[in-house]
């Protein structure tokens, strides 16, 4: 919740330039992070980790047909 706005703000130029979508995996967030992501029009996908991060990420991949896919954590940013 404390860092997600900064992460999204760093992605906005990339999103507009590539006309792409952000898909967010929700592992059961209990703070305002999901709502903040919705404010940026991100697609929210509920996930169950079940001890297997690869399966969770593959499930996210199955929800999009985007040609460009990369992972970013909610505390990371893209530098200009």
C-alpha atoms as a PDB file:
ATOM      1  CA  UNK A   1       0.000   0.000   0.000  1.00  0.00           C
ATOM      2  CA  UNK A   2       2.803   2.414   0.847  1.00  0.00           C
ATOM      3  CA  UNK A   3       4.774   1.894  -2.380  1.00  0.00           C
ATOM      4  CA  UNK A   4       2.291   0.808  -5.063  1.00  0.00           C
ATOM      5  CA  UNK A   5       1.441   4.350  -6.223  1.00  0.00           C
ATOM      6  CA  UNK A   6       5.123   5.017  -6.877  1.00  0.00           C
ATOM      7  CA  UNK A   7       5.379   1.755  -8.811  1.00  0.00           C
ATOM      8  CA  UNK A   8       2.376   2.609 -11.005  1.00  0.00           C
ATOM      9  CA  UNK A   9       3.550   6.173 -11.586  1.00  0.00           C
ATOM     10  CA  UNK A  10       6.834   4.787 -12.923  1.00  0.00           C
ATOM     11  CA  UNK A  11       4.921   2.457 -15.291  1.00  0.00           C
ATOM     12  CA  UNK A  12       2.522   5.017 -16.770  1.00  0.00           C
ATOM     13  CA  UNK A  13       4.865   6.234 -19.556  1.00  0.00           C
ATOM     14  CA  UNK A  14       5.531   2.631 -20.574  1.00  0.00           C
ATOM     15  CA  UNK A  15       1.848   1.707 -20.485  1.00  0.00           C
ATOM     16  CA  UNK A  16       0.853   4.644 -22.683  1.00  0.00           C
ATOM     17  CA  UNK A  17       3.730   4.171 -25.105  1.00  0.00           C
ATOM     18  CA  UNK A  18       3.040   0.471 -25.627  1.00  0.00           C
ATOM     19  CA  UNK A  19      -0.749   0.628 -25.214  1.00  0.00           C
ATOM     20  CA  UNK A  20      -0.649  -2.336 -22.875  1.00  0.00           C
ATOM     21  CA  UNK A  21      -2.407  -3.577 -19.771  1.00  0.00           C
ATOM     22  CA  UNK A  22      -1.259  -4.203 -16.223  1.00  0.00           C
ATOM     23  CA  UNK A  23      -2.355  -7.441 -14.599  1.00  0.00           C
ATOM     24  CA  UNK A  24      -1.989  -7.632 -10.820  1.00  0.00           C
ATOM     25  CA  UNK A  25      -1.900 -10.898  -8.930  1.00  0.00           C
ATOM     26  CA  UNK A  26      -3.662 -10.649  -5.578  1.00  0.00           C
ATOM     27  CA  UNK A  27      -2.544 -13.263  -3.077  1.00  0.00           C
ATOM     28  CA  UNK A  28      -5.050 -12.131  -0.463  1.00  0.00           C
ATOM     29  CA  UNK A  29      -4.079  -8.535   0.169  1.00  0.00           C
ATOM     30  CA  UNK A  30      -5.681  -7.069   3.289  1.00  0.00           C
ATOM     31  CA  UNK A  31      -4.690  -3.414   2.902  1.00  0.00           C
ATOM     32  CA  UNK A  32      -5.710  -0.875   0.217  1.00  0.00           C
ATOM     33  CA  UNK A  33      -3.272  -2.115  -2.460  1.00  0.00           C
ATOM     34  CA  UNK A  34      -5.932  -3.767  -4.643  1.00  0.00           C
ATOM     35  CA  UNK A  35      -8.106  -0.638  -4.622  1.00  0.00           C
ATOM     36  CA  UNK A  36      -5.105   1.512  -5.521  1.00  0.00           C
ATOM     37  CA  UNK A  37      -4.358  -0.841  -8.443  1.00  0.00           C
ATOM     38  CA  UNK A  38      -7.961  -0.530  -9.626  1.00  0.00           C
ATOM     39  CA  UNK A  39      -7.553   3.250  -9.641  1.00  0.00           C
ATOM     40  CA  UNK A  40      -4.892   2.686 -12.311  1.00  0.00           C
ATOM     41  CA  UNK A  41      -7.284   0.436 -14.267  1.00  0.00           C
ATOM     42  CA  UNK A  42      -5.212  -2.664 -13.597  1.00  0.00           C
ATOM     43  CA  UNK A  43      -6.792  -6.056 -14.088  1.00  0.00           C
ATOM     44  CA  UNK A  44      -6.872  -7.837 -10.711  1.00  0.00           C
ATOM     45  CA  UNK A  45      -6.530 -11.617 -10.645  1.00  0.00           C
ATOM     46  CA  UNK A  46      -7.035 -13.477  -7.370  1.00  0.00           C
ATOM     47  CA  UNK A  47      -4.331 -16.075  -6.869  1.00  0.00           C
ATOM     48  CA  UNK A  48      -3.567 -18.893  -4.515  1.00  0.00           C
ATOM     49  CA  UNK A  49       0.146 -19.430  -4.072  1.00  0.00           C
ATOM     50  CA  UNK A  50      -0.082 -22.930  -2.605  1.00  0.00           C
ATOM     51  CA  UNK A  51       3.697 -22.953  -2.251  1.00  0.00           C
ATOM     52  CA  UNK A  52       4.281 -22.631  -6.000  1.00  0.00           C
ATOM     53  CA  UNK A  53       5.131 -19.172  -7.325  1.00  0.00           C
ATOM     54  CA  UNK A  54       5.646 -20.508 -10.866  1.00  0.00           C
ATOM     55  CA  UNK A  55       2.082 -21.814 -11.088  1.00  0.00           C
ATOM     56  CA  UNK A  56       0.729 -18.502  -9.795  1.00  0.00           C
ATOM     57  CA  UNK A  57       2.724 -16.573 -12.413  1.00  0.00           C
ATOM     58  CA  UNK A  58       1.658 -18.955 -15.167  1.00  0.00           C
ATOM     59  CA  UNK A  59      -1.958 -18.385 -14.150  1.00  0.00           C
ATOM     60  CA  UNK A  60      -1.391 -14.640 -14.559  1.00  0.00           C
ATOM     61  CA  UNK A  61       0.085 -15.245 -18.012  1.00  0.00           C
ATOM     62  CA  UNK A  62      -3.039 -17.162 -18.975  1.00  0.00           C
ATOM     63  CA  UNK A  63      -5.181 -14.091 -18.237  1.00  0.00           C
ATOM     64  CA  UNK A  64      -3.573 -11.847 -20.863  1.00  0.00           C
ATOM     65  CA  UNK A  65      -2.786 -11.964 -24.557  1.00  0.00           C
ATOM     66  CA  UNK A  66      -0.232  -9.172 -24.347  1.00  0.00           C
ATOM     67  CA  UNK A  67       2.897  -9.519 -26.464  1.00  0.00           C
ATOM     68  CA  UNK A  68       4.997  -7.892 -23.753  1.00  0.00           C
ATOM     69  CA  UNK A  69       5.092  -9.439 -20.300  1.00  0.00           C
ATOM     70  CA  UNK A  70       7.380  -8.601 -17.430  1.00  0.00           C
ATOM     71  CA  UNK A  71       7.227  -8.929 -13.668  1.00  0.00           C
ATOM     72  CA  UNK A  72       7.551  -6.085 -11.234  1.00  0.00           C
ATOM     73  CA  UNK A  73       7.132  -6.196  -7.493  1.00  0.00           C
ATOM     74  CA  UNK A  74       4.946  -3.588  -5.738  1.00  0.00           C
ATOM     75  CA  UNK A  75       8.012  -1.941  -4.224  1.00  0.00           C
ATOM     76  CA  UNK A  76       9.971  -1.663  -7.509  1.00  0.00           C
ATOM     77  CA  UNK A  77       9.974   1.151 -10.070  1.00  0.00           C
ATOM     78  CA  UNK A  78      11.046   1.671 -13.667  1.00  0.00           C
ATOM     79  CA  UNK A  79      13.781   4.294 -13.952  1.00  0.00           C
ATOM     80  CA  UNK A  80      13.690   6.891 -16.690  1.00  0.00           C
END
